[in-house]
């Protein structure tokens, strides 16, 4: 049986490698990941947002989230869902985050 807590932990670790190219901070510390759960013991679901509804990086972020989830051996199926409610605010950023502490991705990545 798959342990949801272990998968959530591994997913969070993998998603910390997904850097918002405009801010140079990972999407977990930015507070862009709203929810992660295992639905019906089969499909891992990640609900996330972007910093703005019209974010030009939304497709890039979706692709990077999907790549991160594909790299987790215990996840056979996953879904990602982008939402805009609640609206993201800077208050959702983890305390102590330094912007551009990680170099932004190379532009050819999107």
PDB file of N, CA and C in Angstrom:
ATOM      1  N   UNK A   1       0.827  -1.186   0.000  1.00  0.00           N
ATOM      2  CA  UNK A   1       0.000   0.000   0.000  1.00  0.00           C
ATOM      3  C   UNK A   1       0.874   1.253   0.000  1.00  0.00           C
ATOM      4  N   UNK A   2       0.451   2.240  -0.759  1.00  0.00           N
ATOM      5  CA  UNK A   2       1.190   3.481  -0.879  1.00  0.00           C
ATOM      6  C   UNK A   2       0.916   4.355   0.341  1.00  0.00           C
ATOM      7  N   UNK A   3       1.978   4.881   0.927  1.00  0.00           N
ATOM      8  CA  UNK A   3       1.857   5.756   2.081  1.00  0.00           C
ATOM      9  C   UNK A   3       1.725   7.201   1.583  1.00  0.00           C
ATOM     10  N   UNK A   4       0.540   7.786   1.765  1.00  0.00           N
ATOM     11  CA  UNK A   4       0.280   9.137   1.253  1.00  0.00           C
ATOM     12  C   UNK A   4       1.241  10.165   1.844  1.00  0.00           C
ATOM     13  N   UNK A   5       1.549  10.037   3.102  1.00  0.00           N
ATOM     14  CA  UNK A   5       2.453  10.978   3.754  1.00  0.00           C
ATOM     15  C   UNK A   5       3.838  10.959   3.103  1.00  0.00           C
ATOM     16  N   UNK A   6       4.339   9.759   2.799  1.00  0.00           N
ATOM     17  CA  UNK A   6       5.643   9.639   2.152  1.00  0.00           C
ATOM     18  C   UNK A   6       5.632  10.253   0.758  1.00  0.00           C
ATOM     19  N   UNK A   7       4.557  10.023   0.017  1.00  0.00           N
ATOM     20  CA  UNK A   7       4.460  10.576  -1.337  1.00  0.00           C
ATOM     21  C   UNK A   7       4.363  12.100  -1.270  1.00  0.00           C
ATOM     22  N   UNK A   8       3.577  12.607  -0.344  1.00  0.00           N
ATOM     23  CA  UNK A   8       3.460  14.064  -0.198  1.00  0.00           C
ATOM     24  C   UNK A   8       4.815  14.679   0.142  1.00  0.00           C
ATOM     25  N   UNK A   9       5.552  14.034   1.009  1.00  0.00           N
ATOM     26  CA  UNK A   9       6.867  14.530   1.399  1.00  0.00           C
ATOM     27  C   UNK A   9       7.826  14.523   0.208  1.00  0.00           C
ATOM     28  N   UNK A  10       7.839  13.423  -0.534  1.00  0.00           N
ATOM     29  CA  UNK A  10       8.722  13.344  -1.694  1.00  0.00           C
ATOM     30  C   UNK A  10       8.299  14.344  -2.768  1.00  0.00           C
ATOM     31  N   UNK A  11       6.997  14.497  -2.962  1.00  0.00           N
ATOM     32  CA  UNK A  11       6.504  15.463  -3.948  1.00  0.00           C
ATOM     33  C   UNK A  11       6.922  16.881  -3.555  1.00  0.00           C
ATOM     34  N   UNK A  12       6.792  17.221  -2.286  1.00  0.00           N
ATOM     35  CA  UNK A  12       7.191  18.555  -1.834  1.00  0.00           C
ATOM     36  C   UNK A  12       8.675  18.788  -2.087  1.00  0.00           C
ATOM     37  N   UNK A  13       9.485  17.764  -1.838  1.00  0.00           N
ATOM     38  CA  UNK A  13      10.921  17.876  -2.083  1.00  0.00           C
ATOM     39  C   UNK A  13      11.191  18.094  -3.573  1.00  0.00           C
ATOM     40  N   UNK A  14      10.550  17.314  -4.416  1.00  0.00           N
ATOM     41  CA  UNK A  14      10.737  17.448  -5.869  1.00  0.00           C
ATOM     42  C   UNK A  14      10.235  18.802  -6.368  1.00  0.00           C
ATOM     43  N   UNK A  15       9.111  19.262  -5.819  1.00  0.00           N
ATOM     44  CA  UNK A  15       8.547  20.532  -6.270  1.00  0.00           C
ATOM     45  C   UNK A  15       9.389  21.720  -5.818  1.00  0.00           C
ATOM     46  N   UNK A  16      10.222  21.534  -4.815  1.00  0.00           N
ATOM     47  CA  UNK A  16      11.146  22.609  -4.422  1.00  0.00           C
ATOM     48  C   UNK A  16      12.220  22.841  -5.485  1.00  0.00           C
ATOM     49  N   UNK A  17      12.344  21.909  -6.411  1.00  0.00           N
ATOM     50  CA  UNK A  17      13.271  22.092  -7.531  1.00  0.00           C
ATOM     51  C   UNK A  17      12.636  22.883  -8.675  1.00  0.00           C
ATOM     52  N   UNK A  18      11.335  23.139  -8.585  1.00  0.00           N
ATOM     53  CA  UNK A  18      10.644  23.916  -9.620  1.00  0.00           C
ATOM     54  C   UNK A  18      10.741  25.385  -9.228  1.00  0.00           C
ATOM     55  N   UNK A  19      11.500  26.123 -10.018  1.00  0.00           N
ATOM     56  CA  UNK A  19      11.770  27.529  -9.724  1.00  0.00           C
ATOM     57  C   UNK A  19      10.892  28.427 -10.580  1.00  0.00           C
ATOM     58  N   UNK A  20      10.219  29.376  -9.939  1.00  0.00           N
ATOM     59  CA  UNK A  20       9.480  30.387 -10.687  1.00  0.00           C
ATOM     60  C   UNK A  20      10.526  31.252 -11.393  1.00  0.00           C
ATOM     61  N   UNK A  21      10.548  31.247 -12.722  1.00  0.00           N
ATOM     62  CA  UNK A  21      11.611  31.943 -13.450  1.00  0.00           C
ATOM     63  C   UNK A  21      11.578  33.463 -13.306  1.00  0.00           C
ATOM     64  N   UNK A  22      10.463  34.001 -12.907  1.00  0.00           N
ATOM     65  CA  UNK A  22      10.384  35.448 -12.748  1.00  0.00           C
ATOM     66  C   UNK A  22      10.861  35.916 -11.378  1.00  0.00           C
ATOM     67  N   UNK A  23      10.797  35.034 -10.381  1.00  0.00           N
ATOM     68  CA  UNK A  23      11.158  35.425  -9.025  1.00  0.00           C
ATOM     69  C   UNK A  23      12.388  34.705  -8.489  1.00  0.00           C
ATOM     70  N   UNK A  24      12.790  33.613  -9.146  1.00  0.00           N
ATOM     71  CA  UNK A  24      13.976  32.890  -8.711  1.00  0.00           C
ATOM     72  C   UNK A  24      13.807  32.175  -7.393  1.00  0.00           C
ATOM     73  N   UNK A  25      12.569  31.784  -7.082  1.00  0.00           N
ATOM     74  CA  UNK A  25      12.263  31.079  -5.838  1.00  0.00           C
ATOM     75  C   UNK A  25      11.428  29.857  -6.191  1.00  0.00           C
ATOM     76  N   UNK A  26      11.611  28.768  -5.449  1.00  0.00           N
ATOM     77  CA  UNK A  26      10.838  27.559  -5.740  1.00  0.00           C
ATOM     78  C   UNK A  26       9.361  27.767  -5.412  1.00  0.00           C
ATOM     79  N   UNK A  27       8.533  27.011  -6.108  1.00  0.00           N
ATOM     80  CA  UNK A  27       7.082  27.200  -6.001  1.00  0.00           C
ATOM     81  C   UNK A  27       6.506  26.778  -4.650  1.00  0.00           C
ATOM     82  N   UNK A  28       7.203  25.928  -3.930  1.00  0.00           N
ATOM     83  CA  UNK A  28       6.737  25.530  -2.591  1.00  0.00           C
ATOM     84  C   UNK A  28       6.927  26.698  -1.622  1.00  0.00           C
ATOM     85  N   UNK A  29       8.131  27.262  -1.605  1.00  0.00           N
ATOM     86  CA  UNK A  29       8.400  28.381  -0.697  1.00  0.00           C
ATOM     87  C   UNK A  29       7.619  29.632  -1.074  1.00  0.00           C
ATOM     88  N   UNK A  30       7.263  29.767  -2.349  1.00  0.00           N
ATOM     89  CA  UNK A  30       6.432  30.902  -2.767  1.00  0.00           C
ATOM     90  C   UNK A  30       4.988  30.747  -2.289  1.00  0.00           C
ATOM     91  N   UNK A  31       4.614  29.537  -1.897  1.00  0.00           N
ATOM     92  CA  UNK A  31       3.242  29.296  -1.463  1.00  0.00           C
ATOM     93  C   UNK A  31       2.289  29.047  -2.617  1.00  0.00           C
ATOM     94  N   UNK A  32       2.830  28.626  -3.764  1.00  0.00           N
ATOM     95  CA  UNK A  32       1.994  28.384  -4.934  1.00  0.00           C
ATOM     96  C   UNK A  32       1.324  27.014  -4.916  1.00  0.00           C
ATOM     97  N   UNK A  33       1.809  26.106  -4.073  1.00  0.00           N
ATOM     98  CA  UNK A  33       1.196  24.785  -3.956  1.00  0.00           C
ATOM     99  C   UNK A  33       0.140  24.868  -2.857  1.00  0.00           C
ATOM    100  N   UNK A  34      -1.111  24.713  -3.246  1.00  0.00           N
ATOM    101  CA  UNK A  34      -2.205  24.835  -2.286  1.00  0.00           C
ATOM    102  C   UNK A  34      -2.558  23.507  -1.625  1.00  0.00           C
ATOM    103  N   UNK A  35      -2.504  22.435  -2.384  1.00  0.00           N
ATOM    104  CA  UNK A  35      -2.932  21.153  -1.818  1.00  0.00           C
ATOM    105  C   UNK A  35      -2.288  20.012  -2.599  1.00  0.00           C
ATOM    106  N   UNK A  36      -1.973  18.934  -1.879  1.00  0.00           N
ATOM    107  CA  UNK A  36      -1.478  17.691  -2.493  1.00  0.00           C
ATOM    108  C   UNK A  36      -2.142  16.545  -1.749  1.00  0.00           C
ATOM    109  N   UNK A  37      -2.711  15.622  -2.495  1.00  0.00           N
ATOM    110  CA  UNK A  37      -3.349  14.484  -1.844  1.00  0.00           C
ATOM    111  C   UNK A  37      -3.464  13.322  -2.818  1.00  0.00           C
ATOM    112  N   UNK A  38      -3.675  12.151  -2.254  1.00  0.00           N
ATOM    113  CA  UNK A  38      -3.868  10.932  -3.029  1.00  0.00           C
ATOM    114  C   UNK A  38      -5.356  10.658  -3.103  1.00  0.00           C
ATOM    115  N   UNK A  39      -5.921  10.704  -4.304  1.00  0.00           N
ATOM    116  CA  UNK A  39      -7.354  10.486  -4.484  1.00  0.00           C
ATOM    117  C   UNK A  39      -7.625   9.013  -4.740  1.00  0.00           C
ATOM    118  N   UNK A  40      -8.495   8.441  -3.917  1.00  0.00           N
ATOM    119  CA  UNK A  40      -8.919   7.049  -4.038  1.00  0.00           C
ATOM    120  C   UNK A  40      -7.735   6.076  -4.041  1.00  0.00           C
ATOM    121  N   UNK A  41      -6.654   6.482  -3.374  1.00  0.00           N
ATOM    122  CA  UNK A  41      -5.487   5.621  -3.272  1.00  0.00           C
ATOM    123  C   UNK A  41      -4.754   5.379  -4.573  1.00  0.00           C
ATOM    124  N   UNK A  42      -5.102   6.148  -5.623  1.00  0.00           N
ATOM    125  CA  UNK A  42      -4.520   5.879  -6.940  1.00  0.00           C
ATOM    126  C   UNK A  42      -3.873   7.091  -7.586  1.00  0.00           C
ATOM    127  N   UNK A  43      -4.581   8.199  -7.606  1.00  0.00           N
ATOM    128  CA  UNK A  43      -4.129   9.360  -8.365  1.00  0.00           C
ATOM    129  C   UNK A  43      -3.647  10.450  -7.413  1.00  0.00           C
ATOM    130  N   UNK A  44      -2.417  10.889  -7.621  1.00  0.00           N
ATOM    131  CA  UNK A  44      -1.862  11.953  -6.800  1.00  0.00           C
ATOM    132  C   UNK A  44      -2.263  13.281  -7.433  1.00  0.00           C
ATOM    133  N   UNK A  45      -2.857  14.149  -6.636  1.00  0.00           N
ATOM    134  CA  UNK A  45      -3.391  15.415  -7.130  1.00  0.00           C
ATOM    135  C   UNK A  45      -2.604  16.575  -6.516  1.00  0.00           C
ATOM    136  N   UNK A  46      -2.219  17.511  -7.366  1.00  0.00           N
ATOM    137  CA  UNK A  46      -1.560  18.732  -6.911  1.00  0.00           C
ATOM    138  C   UNK A  46      -2.396  19.912  -7.390  1.00  0.00           C
ATOM    139  N   UNK A  47      -2.837  20.710  -6.440  1.00  0.00           N
ATOM    140  CA  UNK A  47      -3.581  21.925  -6.751  1.00  0.00           C
ATOM    141  C   UNK A  47      -2.647  23.095  -6.474  1.00  0.00           C
ATOM    142  N   UNK A  48      -2.500  23.943  -7.477  1.00  0.00           N
ATOM    143  CA  UNK A  48      -1.535  25.026  -7.369  1.00  0.00           C
ATOM    144  C   UNK A  48      -2.080  26.284  -8.035  1.00  0.00           C
ATOM    145  N   UNK A  49      -1.339  27.364  -7.888  1.00  0.00           N
ATOM    146  CA  UNK A  49      -1.698  28.623  -8.513  1.00  0.00           C
ATOM    147  C   UNK A  49      -0.454  29.265  -9.087  1.00  0.00           C
ATOM    148  N   UNK A  50      -0.631  30.423  -9.657  1.00  0.00           N
ATOM    149  CA  UNK A  50       0.488  31.231 -10.121  1.00  0.00           C
ATOM    150  C   UNK A  50       0.411  32.572  -9.388  1.00  0.00           C
ATOM    151  N   UNK A  51       1.441  33.370  -9.515  1.00  0.00           N
ATOM    152  CA  UNK A  51       1.460  34.634  -8.787  1.00  0.00           C
ATOM    153  C   UNK A  51       0.413  35.616  -9.299  1.00  0.00           C
ATOM    154  N   UNK A  52       0.030  35.468 -10.569  1.00  0.00           N
ATOM    155  CA  UNK A  52      -1.043  36.283 -11.142  1.00  0.00           C
ATOM    156  C   UNK A  52      -1.845  35.409 -12.102  1.00  0.00           C
ATOM    157  N   UNK A  53      -3.143  35.685 -12.263  1.00  0.00           N
ATOM    158  CA  UNK A  53      -3.943  34.876 -13.194  1.00  0.00           C
ATOM    159  C   UNK A  53      -3.407  34.889 -14.627  1.00  0.00           C
ATOM    160  N   UNK A  54      -2.821  35.989 -15.044  1.00  0.00           N
ATOM    161  CA  UNK A  54      -2.296  36.074 -16.411  1.00  0.00           C
ATOM    162  C   UNK A  54      -0.818  35.753 -16.507  1.00  0.00           C
ATOM    163  N   UNK A  55      -0.279  35.051 -15.537  1.00  0.00           N
ATOM    164  CA  UNK A  55       1.155  34.751 -15.485  1.00  0.00           C
ATOM    165  C   UNK A  55       1.629  34.120 -16.800  1.00  0.00           C
ATOM    166  N   UNK A  56       2.616  34.712 -17.446  1.00  0.00           N
ATOM    167  CA  UNK A  56       3.107  34.155 -18.712  1.00  0.00           C
ATOM    168  C   UNK A  56       3.861  32.831 -18.532  1.00  0.00           C
ATOM    169  N   UNK A  57       4.183  32.490 -17.299  1.00  0.00           N
ATOM    170  CA  UNK A  57       4.934  31.259 -17.030  1.00  0.00           C
ATOM    171  C   UNK A  57       4.040  30.098 -16.633  1.00  0.00           C
ATOM    172  N   UNK A  58       2.722  30.243 -16.734  1.00  0.00           N
ATOM    173  CA  UNK A  58       1.819  29.193 -16.237  1.00  0.00           C
ATOM    174  C   UNK A  58       2.030  27.860 -16.944  1.00  0.00           C
ATOM    175  N   UNK A  59       2.246  27.843 -18.238  1.00  0.00           N
ATOM    176  CA  UNK A  59       2.466  26.571 -18.945  1.00  0.00           C
ATOM    177  C   UNK A  59       3.823  25.971 -18.575  1.00  0.00           C
ATOM    178  N   UNK A  60       4.813  26.828 -18.441  1.00  0.00           N
ATOM    179  CA  UNK A  60       6.135  26.379 -18.014  1.00  0.00           C
ATOM    180  C   UNK A  60       6.037  25.716 -16.637  1.00  0.00           C
ATOM    181  N   UNK A  61       5.374  26.388 -15.692  1.00  0.00           N
ATOM    182  CA  UNK A  61       5.247  25.833 -14.341  1.00  0.00           C
ATOM    183  C   UNK A  61       4.481  24.518 -14.353  1.00  0.00           C
ATOM    184  N   UNK A  62       3.416  24.443 -15.131  1.00  0.00           N
ATOM    185  CA  UNK A  62       2.660  23.196 -15.212  1.00  0.00           C
ATOM    186  C   UNK A  62       3.545  22.060 -15.716  1.00  0.00           C
ATOM    187  N   UNK A  63       4.310  22.326 -16.762  1.00  0.00           N
ATOM    188  CA  UNK A  63       5.195  21.298 -17.309  1.00  0.00           C
ATOM    189  C   UNK A  63       6.230  20.848 -16.277  1.00  0.00           C
ATOM    190  N   UNK A  64       6.801  21.802 -15.567  1.00  0.00           N
ATOM    191  CA  UNK A  64       7.818  21.470 -14.569  1.00  0.00           C
ATOM    192  C   UNK A  64       7.214  20.694 -13.390  1.00  0.00           C
ATOM    193  N   UNK A  65       6.009  21.046 -12.986  1.00  0.00           N
ATOM    194  CA  UNK A  65       5.322  20.298 -11.923  1.00  0.00           C
ATOM    195  C   UNK A  65       5.080  18.865 -12.387  1.00  0.00           C
ATOM    196  N   UNK A  66       4.600  18.695 -13.598  1.00  0.00           N
ATOM    197  CA  UNK A  66       4.344  17.354 -14.138  1.00  0.00           C
ATOM    198  C   UNK A  66       5.634  16.548 -14.239  1.00  0.00           C
ATOM    199  N   UNK A  67       6.716  17.163 -14.671  1.00  0.00           N
ATOM    200  CA  UNK A  67       8.003  16.463 -14.738  1.00  0.00           C
ATOM    201  C   UNK A  67       8.452  16.020 -13.348  1.00  0.00           C
ATOM    202  N   UNK A  68       8.262  16.878 -12.357  1.00  0.00           N
ATOM    203  CA  UNK A  68       8.641  16.523 -10.984  1.00  0.00           C
ATOM    204  C   UNK A  68       7.835  15.328 -10.499  1.00  0.00           C
ATOM    205  N   UNK A  69       6.536  15.329 -10.775  1.00  0.00           N
ATOM    206  CA  UNK A  69       5.681  14.223 -10.328  1.00  0.00           C
ATOM    207  C   UNK A  69       6.007  12.926 -11.071  1.00  0.00           C
ATOM    208  N   UNK A  70       6.334  13.032 -12.340  1.00  0.00           N
ATOM    209  CA  UNK A  70       6.692  11.838 -13.119  1.00  0.00           C
ATOM    210  C   UNK A  70       7.948  11.165 -12.583  1.00  0.00           C
ATOM    211  N   UNK A  71       8.781  11.925 -11.912  1.00  0.00           N
ATOM    212  CA  UNK A  71      10.044  11.369 -11.413  1.00  0.00           C
ATOM    213  C   UNK A  71       9.881  10.600 -10.097  1.00  0.00           C
ATOM    214  N   UNK A  72       8.673  10.577  -9.550  1.00  0.00           N
ATOM    215  CA  UNK A  72       8.434   9.876  -8.281  1.00  0.00           C
ATOM    216  C   UNK A  72       7.938   8.468  -8.587  1.00  0.00           C
ATOM    217  N   UNK A  73       8.723   7.485  -8.190  1.00  0.00           N
ATOM    218  CA  UNK A  73       8.431   6.093  -8.590  1.00  0.00           C
ATOM    219  C   UNK A  73       7.109   5.560  -8.059  1.00  0.00           C
ATOM    220  N   UNK A  74       6.655   6.033  -6.905  1.00  0.00           N
ATOM    221  CA  UNK A  74       5.413   5.513  -6.325  1.00  0.00           C
ATOM    222  C   UNK A  74       4.149   6.160  -6.886  1.00  0.00           C
ATOM    223  N   UNK A  75       4.321   7.130  -7.780  1.00  0.00           N
ATOM    224  CA  UNK A  75       3.156   7.780  -8.385  1.00  0.00           C
ATOM    225  C   UNK A  75       2.959   7.203  -9.785  1.00  0.00           C
ATOM    226  N   UNK A  76       1.866   6.478  -9.955  1.00  0.00           N
ATOM    227  CA  UNK A  76       1.549   5.925 -11.271  1.00  0.00           C
ATOM    228  C   UNK A  76       0.678   6.878 -12.073  1.00  0.00           C
ATOM    229  N   UNK A  77      -0.187   7.619 -11.399  1.00  0.00           N
ATOM    230  CA  UNK A  77      -1.074   8.559 -12.068  1.00  0.00           C
ATOM    231  C   UNK A  77      -1.136   9.838 -11.246  1.00  0.00           C
ATOM    232  N   UNK A  78      -1.201  10.949 -11.944  1.00  0.00           N
ATOM    233  CA  UNK A  78      -1.307  12.222 -11.240  1.00  0.00           C
ATOM    234  C   UNK A  78      -2.144  13.193 -12.058  1.00  0.00           C
ATOM    235  N   UNK A  79      -2.623  14.199 -11.373  1.00  0.00           N
ATOM    236  CA  UNK A  79      -3.347  15.301 -12.000  1.00  0.00           C
ATOM    237  C   UNK A  79      -2.845  16.593 -11.391  1.00  0.00           C
ATOM    238  N   UNK A  80      -2.767  17.615 -12.212  1.00  0.00           N
ATOM    239  CA  UNK A  80      -2.454  18.941 -11.709  1.00  0.00           C
ATOM    240  C   UNK A  80      -3.639  19.841 -12.024  1.00  0.00           C
ATOM    241  N   UNK A  81      -3.945  20.725 -11.103  1.00  0.00           N
ATOM    242  CA  UNK A  81      -5.048  21.649 -11.312  1.00  0.00           C
ATOM    243  C   UNK A  81      -4.615  23.044 -10.883  1.00  0.00           C
ATOM    244  N   UNK A  82      -4.651  23.970 -11.837  1.00  0.00           N
ATOM    245  CA  UNK A  82      -4.329  25.353 -11.540  1.00  0.00           C
ATOM    246  C   UNK A  82      -5.620  26.068 -11.121  1.00  0.00           C
ATOM    247  N   UNK A  83      -5.562  26.750  -9.994  1.00  0.00           N
ATOM    248  CA  UNK A  83      -6.717  27.492  -9.493  1.00  0.00           C
ATOM    249  C   UNK A  83      -6.296  28.936  -9.203  1.00  0.00           C
ATOM    250  N   UNK A  84      -7.271  29.798  -9.100  1.00  0.00           N
ATOM    251  CA  UNK A  84      -6.972  31.197  -8.790  1.00  0.00           C
ATOM    252  C   UNK A  84      -7.723  31.691  -7.561  1.00  0.00           C
ATOM    253  N   UNK A  85      -8.332  30.759  -6.848  1.00  0.00           N
ATOM    254  CA  UNK A  85      -8.968  31.073  -5.578  1.00  0.00           C
ATOM    255  C   UNK A  85      -8.539  30.029  -4.575  1.00  0.00           C
ATOM    256  N   UNK A  86      -8.024  30.413  -3.443  1.00  0.00           N
ATOM    257  CA  UNK A  86      -7.842  31.803  -3.075  1.00  0.00           C
ATOM    258  C   UNK A  86      -6.736  32.452  -3.916  1.00  0.00           C
ATOM    259  N   UNK A  87      -6.863  33.745  -4.094  1.00  0.00           N
ATOM    260  CA  UNK A  87      -5.868  34.490  -4.854  1.00  0.00           C
ATOM    261  C   UNK A  87      -4.548  34.487  -4.093  1.00  0.00           C
ATOM    262  N   UNK A  88      -3.461  34.244  -4.816  1.00  0.00           N
ATOM    263  CA  UNK A  88      -2.132  34.242  -4.204  1.00  0.00           C
ATOM    264  C   UNK A  88      -1.750  35.658  -3.786  1.00  0.00           C
ATOM    265  N   UNK A  89      -1.101  35.751  -2.622  1.00  0.00           N
ATOM    266  CA  UNK A  89      -0.571  37.042  -2.162  1.00  0.00           C
ATOM    267  C   UNK A  89       0.842  36.818  -1.638  1.00  0.00           C
ATOM    268  N   UNK A  90       1.591  37.876  -1.504  1.00  0.00           N
ATOM    269  CA  UNK A  90       2.960  37.763  -1.001  1.00  0.00           C
ATOM    270  C   UNK A  90       2.999  37.239   0.433  1.00  0.00           C
ATOM    271  N   UNK A  91       1.898  37.321   1.141  1.00  0.00           N
ATOM    272  CA  UNK A  91       1.836  36.788   2.504  1.00  0.00           C
ATOM    273  C   UNK A  91       1.986  35.266   2.533  1.00  0.00           C
ATOM    274  N   UNK A  92       1.820  34.617   1.382  1.00  0.00           N
ATOM    275  CA  UNK A  92       1.917  33.157   1.303  1.00  0.00           C
ATOM    276  C   UNK A  92       3.362  32.673   1.165  1.00  0.00           C
ATOM    277  N   UNK A  93       4.284  33.597   0.956  1.00  0.00           N
ATOM    278  CA  UNK A  93       5.696  33.241   0.822  1.00  0.00           C
ATOM    279  C   UNK A  93       6.237  32.836   2.197  1.00  0.00           C
ATOM    280  N   UNK A  94       6.990  31.746   2.231  1.00  0.00           N
ATOM    281  CA  UNK A  94       7.601  31.267   3.468  1.00  0.00           C
ATOM    282  C   UNK A  94       8.551  32.350   4.004  1.00  0.00           C
ATOM    283  N   UNK A  95       8.503  32.543   5.300  1.00  0.00           N
ATOM    284  CA  UNK A  95       9.353  33.553   5.932  1.00  0.00           C
ATOM    285  C   UNK A  95      10.831  33.266   5.671  1.00  0.00           C
ATOM    286  N   UNK A  96      11.574  34.311   5.371  1.00  0.00           N
ATOM    287  CA  UNK A  96      13.015  34.187   5.179  1.00  0.00           C
ATOM    288  C   UNK A  96      13.452  33.875   3.757  1.00  0.00           C
ATOM    289  N   UNK A  97      12.524  33.817   2.821  1.00  0.00           N
ATOM    290  CA  UNK A  97      12.867  33.510   1.433  1.00  0.00           C
ATOM    291  C   UNK A  97      13.651  34.672   0.826  1.00  0.00           C
ATOM    292  N   UNK A  98      14.734  34.321   0.150  1.00  0.00           N
ATOM    293  CA  UNK A  98      15.525  35.320  -0.555  1.00  0.00           C
ATOM    294  C   UNK A  98      15.255  35.173  -2.045  1.00  0.00           C
ATOM    295  N   UNK A  99      14.777  36.234  -2.644  1.00  0.00           N
ATOM    296  CA  UNK A  99      14.505  36.191  -4.075  1.00  0.00           C
ATOM    297  C   UNK A  99      15.806  36.084  -4.858  1.00  0.00           C
ATOM    298  N   UNK A 100      15.751  35.288  -5.915  1.00  0.00           N
ATOM    299  CA  UNK A 100      16.869  35.010  -6.797  1.00  0.00           C
ATOM    300  C   UNK A 100      18.052  34.396  -6.067  1.00  0.00           C
ATOM    301  N   UNK A 101      17.769  33.689  -4.962  1.00  0.00           N
ATOM    302  CA  UNK A 101      18.818  32.926  -4.297  1.00  0.00           C
ATOM    303  C   UNK A 101      19.186  31.726  -5.162  1.00  0.00           C
ATOM    304  N   UNK A 102      18.262  31.318  -6.032  1.00  0.00           N
ATOM    305  CA  UNK A 102      18.511  30.279  -7.034  1.00  0.00           C
ATOM    306  C   UNK A 102      18.404  30.981  -8.376  1.00  0.00           C
ATOM    307  N   UNK A 103      19.393  30.795  -9.248  1.00  0.00           N
ATOM    308  CA  UNK A 103      19.301  31.457 -10.556  1.00  0.00           C
ATOM    309  C   UNK A 103      18.050  31.003 -11.307  1.00  0.00           C
ATOM    310  N   UNK A 104      17.385  31.921 -12.013  1.00  0.00           N
ATOM    311  CA  UNK A 104      16.213  31.530 -12.790  1.00  0.00           C
ATOM    312  C   UNK A 104      16.599  30.528 -13.872  1.00  0.00           C
ATOM    313  N   UNK A 105      15.649  29.706 -14.311  1.00  0.00           N
ATOM    314  CA  UNK A 105      15.948  28.733 -15.368  1.00  0.00           C
ATOM    315  C   UNK A 105      16.364  29.431 -16.666  1.00  0.00           C
ATOM    316  N   UNK A 106      17.061  28.703 -17.489  1.00  0.00           N
ATOM    317  CA  UNK A 106      17.440  29.218 -18.806  1.00  0.00           C
ATOM    318  C   UNK A 106      16.156  29.384 -19.624  1.00  0.00           C
ATOM    319  N   UNK A 107      16.040  30.477 -20.318  1.00  0.00           N
ATOM    320  CA  UNK A 107      14.812  30.794 -21.044  1.00  0.00           C
ATOM    321  C   UNK A 107      14.398  29.733 -22.039  1.00  0.00           C
ATOM    322  N   UNK A 108      15.325  28.970 -22.571  1.00  0.00           N
ATOM    323  CA  UNK A 108      14.967  27.933 -23.549  1.00  0.00           C
ATOM    324  C   UNK A 108      14.190  26.787 -22.915  1.00  0.00           C
ATOM    325  N   UNK A 109      14.094  26.759 -21.563  1.00  0.00           N
ATOM    326  CA  UNK A 109      13.358  25.707 -20.874  1.00  0.00           C
ATOM    327  C   UNK A 109      11.850  25.846 -21.045  1.00  0.00           C
ATOM    328  N   UNK A 110      11.375  26.934 -21.558  1.00  0.00           N
ATOM    329  CA  UNK A 110       9.933  27.087 -21.734  1.00  0.00           C
ATOM    330  C   UNK A 110       9.697  27.527 -23.120  1.00  0.00           C
TER     331      UNK A 110
END
